[in-house]
Amino acid sequence: MQSPDPLSSVFGALADPTRRAILARLADGDASVHELNAPFHMSQPAISKHLKVLQRAGLITRERRATVHLSHLEAEPLREATEWLARYRAYWEASHERLDELLAALQPRSVEEDPA
């Protein structure tokens, strides 16, 4: 089985709301598994599985300090995903501009009333 390309791994990791919440938390700084698990109602092994997905996608790195494993956000893959999405943003903006022009052309023109 061939592994997916890096961008597919990033989008696959971002598809889960728990993993997105973990990344949002890590944007504030490194955190332990215990700290990352605090807002969720799931077991530590479940959080660890989410962390492994994020790590395989290159979105986090993990480091052991004494008895604690700290997770660290790696933002570069997010930049690459953002650049990929930016191409489609330009497409949608152009589509919206064309729609605005069409709607403006379809609006009835107001006729100034003759005061006489």
Protein backbone atom coordinates (compact mmCIF):
# COMPACT_ATOMS: atom_id res chain seq x y z
CA MET A 1 0.00 0.00 0.00
CA GLN A 2 1.44 3.34 -1.07
CA SER A 3 1.47 6.14 1.48
CA PRO A 4 -0.43 9.30 0.51
CA ASP A 5 1.35 12.44 -0.54
CA PRO A 6 2.14 14.95 2.24
CA LEU A 7 -0.74 17.27 1.35
CA SER A 8 -3.21 14.38 1.56
CA SER A 9 -1.81 13.45 4.97
CA VAL A 10 -2.24 17.03 6.19
CA PHE A 11 -5.84 17.30 4.97
CA GLY A 12 -6.60 13.84 6.37
CA ALA A 13 -5.27 14.91 9.76
CA LEU A 14 -7.22 18.17 9.63
CA ALA A 15 -10.46 16.33 8.82
CA ASP A 16 -11.00 15.48 12.48
CA PRO A 17 -12.26 18.21 14.87
CA THR A 18 -10.31 16.78 17.81
CA ARG A 19 -7.05 17.02 15.88
CA ARG A 20 -7.87 20.58 14.79
CA ALA A 21 -8.51 21.48 18.45
CA ILE A 22 -5.19 19.92 19.44
CA LEU A 23 -3.39 22.02 16.81
CA ALA A 24 -5.17 25.15 18.04
CA ARG A 25 -3.99 24.40 21.57
CA LEU A 26 -0.42 23.78 20.38
CA ALA A 27 -0.42 27.17 18.65
CA ASP A 28 -0.21 28.58 22.20
CA GLY A 29 2.87 26.50 23.00
CA ASP A 30 4.11 23.00 23.67
CA ALA A 31 1.90 20.71 25.74
CA SER A 32 1.96 17.29 27.35
CA VAL A 33 -0.46 14.50 26.49
CA HIS A 34 -2.21 15.15 29.80
CA GLU A 35 -2.63 18.87 29.01
CA LEU A 36 -3.91 18.09 25.51
CA ASN A 37 -6.37 15.52 26.86
CA ALA A 38 -7.89 17.86 29.48
CA PRO A 39 -10.70 19.42 27.38
CA PHE A 40 -11.76 16.09 25.84
CA HIS A 41 -13.78 13.24 27.26
CA MET A 42 -11.60 10.45 25.92
CA SER A 43 -8.90 8.16 27.13
CA GLN A 44 -5.21 8.99 27.00
CA PRO A 45 -4.63 6.21 24.42
CA ALA A 46 -7.27 7.82 22.18
CA ILE A 47 -5.50 11.20 22.38
CA SER A 48 -2.20 9.44 21.70
CA LYS A 49 -3.68 8.00 18.49
CA HIS A 50 -4.69 11.49 17.37
CA LEU A 51 -1.16 12.72 18.14
CA LYS A 52 0.32 9.91 16.03
CA VAL A 53 -1.84 10.96 13.06
CA LEU A 54 -0.71 14.57 13.47
CA GLN A 55 2.91 13.45 13.78
CA ARG A 56 2.74 11.27 10.64
CA ALA A 57 1.31 14.26 8.75
CA GLY A 58 4.26 16.36 9.91
CA LEU A 59 2.00 18.76 11.83
CA ILE A 60 3.61 18.08 15.21
CA THR A 61 6.84 16.78 16.64
CA ARG A 62 7.11 15.04 19.97
CA GLU A 63 9.94 15.26 22.44
CA ARG A 64 10.53 13.51 25.72
CA ARG A 65 11.60 15.74 28.60
CA ALA A 66 12.25 13.69 31.72
CA THR A 67 9.05 11.68 32.17
CA VAL A 68 6.84 13.89 30.01
CA HIS A 69 6.22 13.74 26.25
CA LEU A 70 5.72 17.24 24.88
CA SER A 71 4.07 17.93 21.55
CA HIS A 72 5.17 20.87 19.42
CA LEU A 73 3.32 22.45 16.47
CA GLU A 74 5.11 22.30 13.12
CA ALA A 75 3.44 24.97 10.99
CA GLU A 76 5.20 24.42 7.65
CA PRO A 77 2.72 21.78 6.39
CA LEU A 78 -0.12 24.19 7.23
CA ARG A 79 1.54 26.87 5.11
CA GLU A 80 1.75 24.46 2.18
CA ALA A 81 -1.94 23.54 2.58
CA THR A 82 -2.87 27.23 2.79
CA GLU A 83 -0.97 27.99 -0.42
CA TRP A 84 -2.78 25.14 -2.19
CA LEU A 85 -6.15 26.45 -0.99
CA ALA A 86 -5.29 30.04 -1.95
CA ARG A 87 -5.50 29.13 -5.63
CA TYR A 88 -9.14 28.17 -5.15
CA ARG A 89 -9.87 31.30 -3.14
CA ALA A 90 -8.95 33.38 -6.19
CA TYR A 91 -11.33 31.26 -8.28
CA TRP A 92 -14.22 31.80 -5.86
CA GLU A 93 -13.53 35.51 -5.56
CA ALA A 94 -13.66 35.87 -9.35
CA SER A 95 -16.88 33.83 -9.43
CA HIS A 96 -18.46 36.06 -6.78
CA GLU A 97 -17.43 39.19 -8.69
CA ARG A 98 -19.10 37.85 -11.84
CA LEU A 99 -22.23 37.03 -9.84
CA ASP A 100 -22.28 40.54 -8.33
CA GLU A 101 -22.02 42.03 -11.83
CA LEU A 102 -24.87 39.84 -13.08
CA LEU A 103 -27.09 40.74 -10.14
CA ALA A 104 -26.38 44.43 -10.64
CA ALA A 105 -27.31 44.14 -14.33
CA LEU A 106 -30.58 42.39 -13.44
CA GLN A 107 -31.67 45.01 -10.90
CA PRO A 108 -34.43 47.28 -12.22
CA ARG A 109 -33.11 50.74 -12.83
CA SER A 110 -34.71 53.43 -10.73
CA VAL A 111 -36.41 56.11 -12.75
CA GLU A 112 -36.22 59.59 -11.35
CA GLU A 113 -39.73 60.93 -10.90
CA ASP A 114 -40.65 64.10 -12.73
CA PRO A 115 -41.63 66.74 -10.14
CA ALA A 116 -44.16 68.31 -12.54
